[in-house]
């Protein structure tokens, strides 16, 4: 890749499936449709075969990590839709 372009990238923050946050804490949001999260799930399943059976499963879901992430993203999507209205998407 281009080293100059790599230096221009800024990561503002990262919260993964193990750390949930309220949408009220967000300063920026990037809308992801259910189809986007389904594609992410499919990519995860295809690329990280060793992670399909998590070594440290969640107490709320016993299955692939990517499914748990997809469920969390769906909940956040629903929260934003409630706050902003369905027309916001």
Protein backbone atom coordinates (compact mmCIF):
# COMPACT_ATOMS: atom_id res chain seq x y z
CA UNK A 1 0.00 0.00 0.00
CA UNK A 2 0.81 3.66 -0.08
CA UNK A 3 2.74 4.67 3.10
CA UNK A 4 1.56 8.27 2.74
CA UNK A 5 -2.08 7.18 2.63
CA UNK A 6 -1.55 4.87 5.62
CA UNK A 7 -0.29 7.79 7.73
CA UNK A 8 -3.42 9.78 6.85
CA UNK A 9 -5.76 7.17 8.37
CA UNK A 10 -7.19 8.11 11.76
CA UNK A 11 -8.93 5.59 14.00
CA UNK A 12 -11.28 7.53 16.24
CA UNK A 13 -12.34 4.69 18.47
CA UNK A 14 -13.13 1.04 18.50
CA UNK A 15 -15.66 -0.86 20.54
CA UNK A 16 -16.00 -4.54 19.88
CA UNK A 17 -18.76 -6.98 20.61
CA UNK A 18 -17.49 -7.56 24.17
CA UNK A 19 -17.87 -3.89 25.11
CA UNK A 20 -21.31 -2.47 24.49
CA UNK A 21 -22.07 1.20 24.56
CA UNK A 22 -25.18 3.30 24.53
CA UNK A 23 -25.94 5.20 21.36
CA UNK A 24 -26.03 8.28 23.61
CA UNK A 25 -22.23 7.88 24.06
CA UNK A 26 -21.57 8.04 20.31
CA UNK A 27 -20.10 11.16 18.79
CA UNK A 28 -20.03 9.65 15.29
CA UNK A 29 -22.00 6.84 13.75
CA UNK A 30 -21.75 5.03 10.44
CA UNK A 31 -24.98 3.46 9.31
CA UNK A 32 -24.77 -0.22 8.43
CA UNK A 33 -27.75 -1.94 6.93
CA UNK A 34 -28.76 -5.45 7.94
CA UNK A 35 -27.32 -6.57 4.57
CA UNK A 36 -23.98 -4.94 5.52
CA UNK A 37 -23.83 -6.81 8.82
CA UNK A 38 -24.80 -10.06 7.07
CA UNK A 39 -21.91 -9.55 4.62
CA UNK A 40 -19.56 -8.91 7.56
CA UNK A 41 -20.75 -12.13 9.16
CA UNK A 42 -20.16 -14.08 5.94
CA UNK A 43 -16.68 -12.57 5.55
CA UNK A 44 -15.79 -13.46 9.12
CA UNK A 45 -16.96 -17.04 8.65
CA UNK A 46 -14.96 -17.40 5.44
CA UNK A 47 -11.75 -15.75 6.67
CA UNK A 48 -11.45 -16.73 10.34
CA UNK A 49 -12.32 -20.41 10.42
CA UNK A 50 -10.44 -20.94 13.69
CA UNK A 51 -12.69 -18.37 15.39
CA UNK A 52 -16.04 -19.93 14.51
CA UNK A 53 -16.01 -21.86 17.80
CA UNK A 54 -14.97 -19.18 20.27
CA UNK A 55 -12.54 -20.16 23.04
CA UNK A 56 -14.29 -17.68 25.32
CA UNK A 57 -17.98 -17.83 24.39
CA UNK A 58 -20.37 -15.15 25.56
CA UNK A 59 -22.82 -15.98 28.34
CA UNK A 60 -25.59 -14.50 26.15
CA UNK A 61 -24.87 -16.48 22.98
CA UNK A 62 -23.21 -19.81 22.28
CA UNK A 63 -22.25 -19.61 18.64
CA UNK A 64 -19.95 -17.87 16.20
CA UNK A 65 -18.54 -14.56 17.38
CA UNK A 66 -19.72 -12.90 14.18
CA UNK A 67 -23.36 -13.78 14.94
CA UNK A 68 -23.05 -12.11 18.33
CA UNK A 69 -21.58 -9.02 16.67
CA UNK A 70 -24.40 -9.02 14.12
CA UNK A 71 -27.00 -9.16 16.92
CA UNK A 72 -25.34 -6.26 18.75
CA UNK A 73 -25.27 -4.18 15.57
CA UNK A 74 -28.95 -4.94 14.93
CA UNK A 75 -29.82 -3.69 18.44
CA UNK A 76 -27.84 -0.49 17.86
CA UNK A 77 -29.52 0.00 14.49
CA UNK A 78 -32.92 -0.33 16.16
CA UNK A 79 -31.93 2.20 18.84
CA UNK A 80 -30.85 4.74 16.22
CA UNK A 81 -34.03 4.13 14.21
CA UNK A 82 -36.09 4.79 17.34
CA UNK A 83 -34.17 7.98 18.12
CA UNK A 84 -33.89 9.37 14.61
CA UNK A 85 -36.91 7.81 12.91
CA UNK A 86 -36.91 5.17 10.21
CA UNK A 87 -36.66 7.86 7.51
CA UNK A 88 -33.14 8.68 8.72
CA UNK A 89 -31.88 5.59 6.96
